Amino acid sequence: MKWKLSSLSPWFLFLLWLNIFDILVTNPSFEANPFTLYLWGKLGMMLSAWIKIGQVLLFGFLCVLTRKVTNPTEWRFAKKLLLGTLMVLVAFYTFVVVWNTILHFSLPLG
């Protein structure tokens, strides 16, 4: 299988990798998202991390399902829509991972 730049697979795999890396470098002391803080308080960080990874995997499953149930004409539009969504998510997670990495490595250890 030859991957093209417009293929969804590399974008999805990069999003999954960024999501996992985001979980690894997130510092709870500097989390600004109140929904994330609420989830961590109610479910714990590990279960919240699995839910976060599960959401990305669910999105991937929906991409595959969309490909299976659409005809070629509908797939061209759906693919553009899904690819645009993936690009926005990758851009967002790239920013978040870079920001969290900067915070992670610039904080004093003690």
N, C-alpha and C. Protein backbone atom coordinates (compact mmCIF):
# COMPACT_ATOMS: atom_id res chain seq x y z
N MET A 1 0.84 -1.18 0.00
CA MET A 1 0.00 0.00 0.00
C MET A 1 0.89 1.24 0.00
N LYS A 2 0.70 2.07 -0.97
CA LYS A 2 1.49 3.29 -1.09
C LYS A 2 0.72 4.45 -0.46
N TRP A 3 1.37 5.15 0.47
CA TRP A 3 0.71 6.27 1.12
C TRP A 3 0.93 7.54 0.32
N LYS A 4 -0.14 8.28 0.15
CA LYS A 4 -0.07 9.58 -0.50
C LYS A 4 -0.23 10.64 0.58
N LEU A 5 0.15 11.87 0.25
CA LEU A 5 0.02 12.95 1.21
C LEU A 5 -1.45 13.17 1.58
N SER A 6 -2.36 12.89 0.66
CA SER A 6 -3.78 13.08 0.94
C SER A 6 -4.41 11.88 1.64
N SER A 7 -3.63 10.85 1.91
CA SER A 7 -4.15 9.68 2.59
C SER A 7 -4.42 10.00 4.06
N LEU A 8 -5.43 9.39 4.61
CA LEU A 8 -5.78 9.64 6.01
C LEU A 8 -4.87 8.89 6.97
N SER A 9 -4.30 7.78 6.54
CA SER A 9 -3.52 6.92 7.45
C SER A 9 -2.35 7.62 8.13
N PRO A 10 -1.46 8.30 7.39
CA PRO A 10 -0.34 8.93 8.10
C PRO A 10 -0.78 10.03 9.06
N TRP A 11 -1.83 10.75 8.68
CA TRP A 11 -2.34 11.81 9.57
C TRP A 11 -2.92 11.21 10.84
N PHE A 12 -3.67 10.11 10.67
CA PHE A 12 -4.25 9.46 11.84
C PHE A 12 -3.17 8.89 12.75
N LEU A 13 -2.18 8.22 12.18
CA LEU A 13 -1.11 7.64 13.01
C LEU A 13 -0.31 8.73 13.72
N PHE A 14 -0.08 9.86 13.04
CA PHE A 14 0.63 10.97 13.68
C PHE A 14 -0.21 11.55 14.81
N LEU A 15 -1.53 11.66 14.61
CA LEU A 15 -2.42 12.14 15.67
C LEU A 15 -2.39 11.20 16.86
N LEU A 16 -2.42 9.91 16.62
CA LEU A 16 -2.37 8.93 17.71
C LEU A 16 -1.05 9.05 18.47
N TRP A 17 0.06 9.18 17.75
CA TRP A 17 1.38 9.34 18.38
C TRP A 17 1.42 10.62 19.21
N LEU A 18 0.91 11.73 18.65
CA LEU A 18 0.90 12.99 19.40
C LEU A 18 0.04 12.89 20.66
N ASN A 19 -1.08 12.20 20.56
CA ASN A 19 -1.96 12.02 21.70
C ASN A 19 -1.25 11.28 22.82
N ILE A 20 -0.56 10.21 22.47
CA ILE A 20 0.18 9.44 23.48
C ILE A 20 1.31 10.27 24.07
N PHE A 21 2.03 10.99 23.21
CA PHE A 21 3.12 11.83 23.69
C PHE A 21 2.59 12.96 24.58
N ASP A 22 1.42 13.49 24.25
CA ASP A 22 0.80 14.53 25.09
C ASP A 22 0.51 14.00 26.48
N ILE A 23 0.04 12.77 26.57
CA ILE A 23 -0.24 12.17 27.87
C ILE A 23 1.04 12.03 28.68
N LEU A 24 2.13 11.67 28.01
CA LEU A 24 3.40 11.47 28.71
C LEU A 24 4.02 12.76 29.25
N VAL A 25 3.83 13.87 28.55
CA VAL A 25 4.49 15.12 28.96
C VAL A 25 3.56 16.10 29.67
N THR A 26 2.31 15.73 29.88
CA THR A 26 1.38 16.65 30.56
C THR A 26 1.74 16.75 32.04
N ASN A 27 1.79 17.98 32.51
CA ASN A 27 2.04 18.25 33.93
C ASN A 27 0.73 18.73 34.54
N PRO A 28 0.16 17.97 35.47
CA PRO A 28 -1.14 18.35 36.05
C PRO A 28 -1.12 19.72 36.73
N SER A 29 0.02 20.16 37.20
CA SER A 29 0.10 21.46 37.87
C SER A 29 -0.17 22.62 36.93
N PHE A 30 0.04 22.41 35.62
CA PHE A 30 -0.11 23.49 34.65
C PHE A 30 -1.24 23.24 33.68
N GLU A 31 -2.14 22.34 33.99
CA GLU A 31 -3.27 22.06 33.11
C GLU A 31 -4.28 23.20 33.20
N ALA A 32 -4.66 23.74 32.05
CA ALA A 32 -5.58 24.88 32.01
C ALA A 32 -7.00 24.48 31.62
N ASN A 33 -7.18 23.27 31.13
CA ASN A 33 -8.49 22.83 30.67
C ASN A 33 -9.31 22.35 31.87
N PRO A 34 -10.39 23.06 32.21
CA PRO A 34 -11.18 22.66 33.38
C PRO A 34 -11.86 21.30 33.21
N PHE A 35 -12.22 20.94 31.98
CA PHE A 35 -12.84 19.64 31.75
C PHE A 35 -11.85 18.52 32.04
N THR A 36 -10.61 18.70 31.62
CA THR A 36 -9.57 17.70 31.90
C THR A 36 -9.33 17.58 33.39
N LEU A 37 -9.27 18.69 34.08
CA LEU A 37 -9.07 18.66 35.53
C LEU A 37 -10.23 17.95 36.22
N TYR A 38 -11.44 18.19 35.75
CA TYR A 38 -12.62 17.53 36.31
C TYR A 38 -12.53 16.01 36.08
N LEU A 39 -12.16 15.60 34.85
CA LEU A 39 -12.03 14.18 34.57
C LEU A 39 -10.96 13.53 35.44
N TRP A 40 -9.83 14.21 35.59
CA TRP A 40 -8.76 13.67 36.42
C TRP A 40 -9.22 13.51 37.86
N GLY A 41 -10.01 14.47 38.34
CA GLY A 41 -10.51 14.39 39.71
C GLY A 41 -11.50 13.26 39.90
N LYS A 42 -12.34 13.01 38.90
CA LYS A 42 -13.38 11.99 39.02
C LYS A 42 -12.89 10.59 38.63
N LEU A 43 -12.08 10.50 37.58
CA LEU A 43 -11.69 9.20 37.05
C LEU A 43 -10.24 8.82 37.34
N GLY A 44 -9.42 9.78 37.59
CA GLY A 44 -7.99 9.53 37.73
C GLY A 44 -7.29 9.76 36.40
N MET A 45 -5.99 9.98 36.47
CA MET A 45 -5.25 10.31 35.26
C MET A 45 -5.13 9.13 34.29
N MET A 46 -4.93 7.92 34.82
CA MET A 46 -4.73 6.77 33.94
C MET A 46 -5.99 6.42 33.14
N LEU A 47 -7.13 6.39 33.79
CA LEU A 47 -8.37 6.09 33.08
C LEU A 47 -8.70 7.20 32.09
N SER A 48 -8.44 8.45 32.47
CA SER A 48 -8.66 9.57 31.55
C SER A 48 -7.76 9.46 30.33
N ALA A 49 -6.52 9.00 30.54
CA ALA A 49 -5.59 8.82 29.41
C ALA A 49 -6.12 7.74 28.46
N TRP A 50 -6.62 6.65 29.00
CA TRP A 50 -7.16 5.59 28.15
C TRP A 50 -8.40 6.06 27.40
N ILE A 51 -9.22 6.88 28.04
CA ILE A 51 -10.39 7.44 27.36
C ILE A 51 -9.95 8.36 26.22
N LYS A 52 -8.92 9.15 26.46
CA LYS A 52 -8.40 10.07 25.44
C LYS A 52 -7.86 9.29 24.24
N ILE A 53 -7.11 8.22 24.49
CA ILE A 53 -6.61 7.39 23.40
C ILE A 53 -7.78 6.69 22.70
N GLY A 54 -8.75 6.25 23.47
CA GLY A 54 -9.92 5.61 22.90
C GLY A 54 -10.70 6.52 21.97
N GLN A 55 -10.76 7.82 22.29
CA GLN A 55 -11.46 8.76 21.42
C GLN A 55 -10.77 8.87 20.06
N VAL A 56 -9.45 8.88 20.07
CA VAL A 56 -8.71 8.95 18.80
C VAL A 56 -8.92 7.65 18.01
N LEU A 57 -8.89 6.52 18.69
CA LEU A 57 -9.13 5.24 18.00
C LEU A 57 -10.56 5.17 17.46
N LEU A 58 -11.53 5.70 18.19
CA LEU A 58 -12.91 5.76 17.71
C LEU A 58 -13.01 6.62 16.45
N PHE A 59 -12.29 7.75 16.43
CA PHE A 59 -12.28 8.59 15.24
C PHE A 59 -11.69 7.82 14.06
N GLY A 60 -10.63 7.07 14.29
CA GLY A 60 -10.05 6.24 13.23
C GLY A 60 -11.03 5.20 12.73
N PHE A 61 -11.75 4.56 13.66
CA PHE A 61 -12.76 3.58 13.28
C PHE A 61 -13.86 4.24 12.44
N LEU A 62 -14.26 5.45 12.82
CA LEU A 62 -15.29 6.16 12.03
C LEU A 62 -14.79 6.52 10.64
N CYS A 63 -13.49 6.83 10.51
CA CYS A 63 -12.91 7.09 9.19
C CYS A 63 -12.98 5.84 8.31
N VAL A 64 -12.62 4.69 8.88
CA VAL A 64 -12.66 3.43 8.12
C VAL A 64 -14.11 3.08 7.78
N LEU A 65 -15.01 3.24 8.74
CA LEU A 65 -16.42 2.94 8.50
C LEU A 65 -17.00 3.85 7.42
N THR A 66 -16.63 5.11 7.44
CA THR A 66 -17.10 6.05 6.42
C THR A 66 -16.64 5.60 5.04
N ARG A 67 -15.41 5.13 4.95
CA ARG A 67 -14.87 4.66 3.67
C ARG A 67 -15.65 3.44 3.17
N LYS A 68 -16.05 2.59 4.09
CA LYS A 68 -16.75 1.35 3.70
C LYS A 68 -18.18 1.61 3.24
N VAL A 69 -18.85 2.60 3.83
CA VAL A 69 -20.28 2.77 3.54
C VAL A 69 -20.58 3.82 2.48
N THR A 70 -19.57 4.58 2.03
CA THR A 70 -19.84 5.60 1.03
C THR A 70 -19.48 5.10 -0.37
N ASN A 71 -20.14 5.67 -1.35
CA ASN A 71 -19.76 5.37 -2.73
C ASN A 71 -18.61 6.31 -3.13
N PRO A 72 -17.96 6.09 -4.26
CA PRO A 72 -16.78 6.89 -4.61
C PRO A 72 -17.04 8.40 -4.70
N THR A 73 -18.21 8.79 -5.14
CA THR A 73 -18.52 10.22 -5.23
C THR A 73 -18.63 10.83 -3.84
N GLU A 74 -19.34 10.16 -2.96
CA GLU A 74 -19.47 10.66 -1.58
C GLU A 74 -18.15 10.60 -0.85
N TRP A 75 -17.32 9.59 -1.14
CA TRP A 75 -16.05 9.43 -0.45
C TRP A 75 -15.11 10.60 -0.70
N ARG A 76 -15.13 11.16 -1.91
CA ARG A 76 -14.25 12.31 -2.19
C ARG A 76 -14.56 13.46 -1.25
N PHE A 77 -15.83 13.75 -1.04
CA PHE A 77 -16.21 14.83 -0.12
C PHE A 77 -15.91 14.45 1.32
N ALA A 78 -16.28 13.24 1.71
CA ALA A 78 -16.05 12.79 3.09
C ALA A 78 -14.56 12.76 3.41
N LYS A 79 -13.75 12.34 2.45
CA LYS A 79 -12.30 12.27 2.66
C LYS A 79 -11.73 13.67 2.88
N LYS A 80 -12.19 14.64 2.10
CA LYS A 80 -11.72 16.02 2.30
C LYS A 80 -12.12 16.53 3.67
N LEU A 81 -13.33 16.23 4.09
CA LEU A 81 -13.81 16.65 5.40
C LEU A 81 -13.02 15.99 6.53
N LEU A 82 -12.81 14.69 6.43
CA LEU A 82 -12.04 13.96 7.44
C LEU A 82 -10.58 14.39 7.46
N LEU A 83 -10.00 14.59 6.28
CA LEU A 83 -8.61 15.02 6.20
C LEU A 83 -8.44 16.42 6.81
N GLY A 84 -9.38 17.31 6.55
CA GLY A 84 -9.34 18.64 7.15
C GLY A 84 -9.44 18.57 8.67
N THR A 85 -10.32 17.71 9.16
CA THR A 85 -10.46 17.53 10.61
C THR A 85 -9.17 16.98 11.21
N LEU A 86 -8.58 15.99 10.55
CA LEU A 86 -7.33 15.42 11.03
C LEU A 86 -6.20 16.45 11.04
N MET A 87 -6.13 17.28 10.02
CA MET A 87 -5.08 18.31 9.97
C MET A 87 -5.23 19.31 11.09
N VAL A 88 -6.46 19.70 11.38
CA VAL A 88 -6.70 20.64 12.49
C VAL A 88 -6.32 19.99 13.82
N LEU A 89 -6.71 18.74 14.02
CA LEU A 89 -6.36 18.04 15.26
C LEU A 89 -4.85 17.84 15.40
N VAL A 90 -4.18 17.51 14.31
CA VAL A 90 -2.72 17.35 14.36
C VAL A 90 -2.06 18.69 14.68
N ALA A 91 -2.53 19.77 14.07
CA ALA A 91 -1.96 21.09 14.36
C ALA A 91 -2.17 21.46 15.83
N PHE A 92 -3.37 21.21 16.35
CA PHE A 92 -3.66 21.52 17.74
C PHE A 92 -2.78 20.70 18.68
N TYR A 93 -2.72 19.38 18.45
CA TYR A 93 -1.92 18.53 19.33
C TYR A 93 -0.43 18.79 19.20
N THR A 94 0.02 19.22 18.03
CA THR A 94 1.42 19.61 17.89
C THR A 94 1.72 20.79 18.79
N PHE A 95 0.85 21.79 18.78
CA PHE A 95 1.02 22.94 19.66
C PHE A 95 1.01 22.52 21.13
N VAL A 96 0.05 21.68 21.50
CA VAL A 96 -0.08 21.25 22.90
C VAL A 96 1.16 20.46 23.34
N VAL A 97 1.63 19.56 22.49
CA VAL A 97 2.79 18.74 22.85
C VAL A 97 4.04 19.61 22.96
N VAL A 98 4.22 20.55 22.04
CA VAL A 98 5.39 21.43 22.12
C VAL A 98 5.32 22.27 23.40
N TRP A 99 4.15 22.81 23.70
CA TRP A 99 3.98 23.62 24.90
C TRP A 99 4.24 22.79 26.17
N ASN A 100 3.65 21.61 26.24
CA ASN A 100 3.85 20.76 27.41
C ASN A 100 5.30 20.30 27.54
N THR A 101 5.96 20.06 26.41
CA THR A 101 7.37 19.65 26.46
C THR A 101 8.23 20.79 26.98
N ILE A 102 7.96 22.00 26.53
CA ILE A 102 8.71 23.17 27.03
C ILE A 102 8.50 23.31 28.53
N LEU A 103 7.25 23.20 28.97
CA LEU A 103 6.98 23.29 30.42
C LEU A 103 7.62 22.15 31.18
N HIS A 104 7.57 20.96 30.63
CA HIS A 104 8.10 19.78 31.29
C HIS A 104 9.61 19.88 31.53
N PHE A 105 10.32 20.36 30.52
CA PHE A 105 11.78 20.40 30.64
C PHE A 105 12.32 21.71 31.22
N SER A 106 11.46 22.72 31.37
CA SER A 106 11.95 23.98 31.93
C SER A 106 11.67 24.12 33.42
N LEU A 107 10.89 23.19 33.99
CA LEU A 107 10.57 23.27 35.41
C LEU A 107 11.71 22.71 36.25
N PRO A 108 11.94 23.30 37.42
CA PRO A 108 12.95 22.70 38.30
C PRO A 108 12.49 21.35 38.81
N LEU A 109 13.43 20.48 39.06
CA LEU A 109 13.09 19.11 39.47
C LEU A 109 12.64 19.02 40.92
N GLY A 110 13.03 19.91 41.75
CA GLY A 110 12.68 19.78 43.17
C GLY A 110 11.79 20.81 43.58
